[in-house]
Amino acid sequence: MHARMTTIRTQPGKMEQAVNIARDSVAPLAKEQPGFKSLVALTDLESEELIFISLWETKEDLEAGENSGYYEEQLGKLSSVLAGQAVREAFKADILA
């Protein structure tokens, strides 16, 4: 299993809108991607920070979305609520429970 963590900061008062965009537009398309397993959103209302963690079956599945432009297209859907640049990191993931 592999994970991508994307950290963004939203504009003041835009956290709920960002989560709604992810739930209604990003997540349904993620489910159609080969090897996609799950998408989790972690929110910090005080700092306006939002972390998305997506889980993928293989490293190749994770990278395919980045290489095809899918990742940037989905991030673009959040552009109206972002404050600054997104930070993207990839990890090997082990599900422990």
Protein backbone atom coordinates (compact mmCIF):
# COMPACT_ATOMS: atom_id res chain seq x y z
CA MET A 1 0.00 0.00 0.00
CA HIS A 2 1.16 3.54 -0.74
CA ALA A 3 -0.08 6.92 0.47
CA ARG A 4 -0.04 10.46 -0.81
CA MET A 5 -0.36 13.26 1.72
CA THR A 6 -1.34 16.67 0.39
CA THR A 7 -1.30 19.57 2.84
CA ILE A 8 -3.07 22.79 1.97
CA ARG A 9 -4.02 25.95 3.81
CA THR A 10 -7.44 27.33 3.05
CA GLN A 11 -8.49 30.95 2.95
CA PRO A 12 -10.15 32.11 6.19
CA GLY A 13 -13.63 30.65 6.50
CA LYS A 14 -13.24 28.36 3.45
CA MET A 15 -12.51 25.03 5.19
CA GLU A 16 -16.05 23.68 4.89
CA GLN A 17 -16.19 24.65 1.22
CA ALA A 18 -12.86 22.88 0.59
CA VAL A 19 -14.07 19.67 2.25
CA ASN A 20 -17.33 19.84 0.26
CA ILE A 21 -15.41 20.22 -3.03
CA ALA A 22 -13.27 17.22 -2.10
CA ARG A 23 -16.28 15.11 -1.09
CA ASP A 24 -18.50 16.03 -4.03
CA SER A 25 -16.02 16.37 -6.88
CA VAL A 26 -12.58 14.97 -6.06
CA ALA A 27 -13.52 11.77 -4.21
CA PRO A 28 -15.94 10.39 -6.84
CA LEU A 29 -13.26 10.68 -9.53
CA ALA A 30 -10.61 9.22 -7.24
CA LYS A 31 -12.74 6.09 -6.88
CA GLU A 32 -12.44 5.58 -10.64
CA GLN A 33 -8.61 5.60 -10.60
CA PRO A 34 -6.82 2.24 -10.85
CA GLY A 35 -5.52 1.09 -7.49
CA PHE A 36 -7.30 3.78 -5.46
CA LYS A 37 -8.34 2.59 -1.99
CA SER A 38 -9.37 5.52 0.22
CA LEU A 39 -9.32 9.29 0.76
CA VAL A 40 -9.27 10.88 4.21
CA ALA A 41 -9.45 14.59 5.06
CA LEU A 42 -7.94 15.90 8.31
CA THR A 43 -8.92 19.44 9.25
CA ASP A 44 -7.51 21.99 11.69
CA LEU A 45 -10.01 24.82 11.93
CA GLU A 46 -7.67 27.08 13.92
CA SER A 47 -4.81 27.03 11.42
CA GLU A 48 -7.10 26.57 8.38
CA GLU A 49 -4.88 23.60 7.44
CA LEU A 50 -6.34 20.65 5.56
CA ILE A 51 -4.50 17.37 4.99
CA PHE A 52 -5.71 14.86 2.43
CA ILE A 53 -4.37 11.32 2.67
CA SER A 54 -5.08 9.02 -0.24
CA LEU A 55 -4.24 5.32 -0.19
CA TRP A 56 -3.20 3.41 -3.30
CA GLU A 57 -2.59 -0.28 -3.96
CA THR A 58 0.84 0.22 -5.57
CA LYS A 59 3.43 2.94 -6.01
CA GLU A 60 2.75 2.77 -9.74
CA ASP A 61 -0.96 3.45 -9.15
CA LEU A 62 -0.11 6.47 -7.00
CA GLU A 63 2.35 7.82 -9.56
CA ALA A 64 0.03 7.21 -12.52
CA GLY A 65 -2.33 9.93 -11.34
CA GLU A 66 0.53 12.36 -11.01
CA ASN A 67 1.99 11.52 -14.42
CA SER A 68 -1.36 11.73 -16.23
CA GLY A 69 -2.27 15.17 -14.89
CA TYR A 70 -5.15 13.76 -12.80
CA TYR A 71 -3.63 14.97 -9.51
CA GLU A 72 -3.11 18.55 -10.72
CA GLU A 73 -6.61 18.62 -12.22
CA GLN A 74 -8.14 17.62 -8.88
CA LEU A 75 -6.01 20.11 -6.97
CA GLY A 76 -7.18 22.78 -9.40
CA LYS A 77 -10.76 22.22 -8.22
CA LEU A 78 -9.67 23.58 -4.85
CA SER A 79 -7.89 26.65 -6.24
CA SER A 80 -10.72 29.02 -5.30
CA VAL A 81 -10.31 28.20 -1.59
CA LEU A 82 -6.52 27.81 -1.32
CA ALA A 83 -4.17 30.18 0.43
CA GLY A 84 -0.72 29.35 -0.95
CA GLN A 85 0.72 26.25 -2.54
CA ALA A 86 -0.14 22.64 -1.76
CA VAL A 87 2.60 20.41 -0.36
CA ARG A 88 2.62 16.84 -1.68
CA GLU A 89 4.44 13.89 -0.13
CA ALA A 90 4.39 10.16 -0.89
CA PHE A 91 4.88 7.30 1.57
CA LYS A 92 4.86 3.54 1.78
CA ALA A 93 1.87 2.73 3.98
CA ASP A 94 1.28 -0.21 6.28
CA ILE A 95 -2.25 -0.75 7.58
CA LEU A 96 -1.85 -1.88 11.18
CA ALA A 97 -5.44 -2.35 12.29
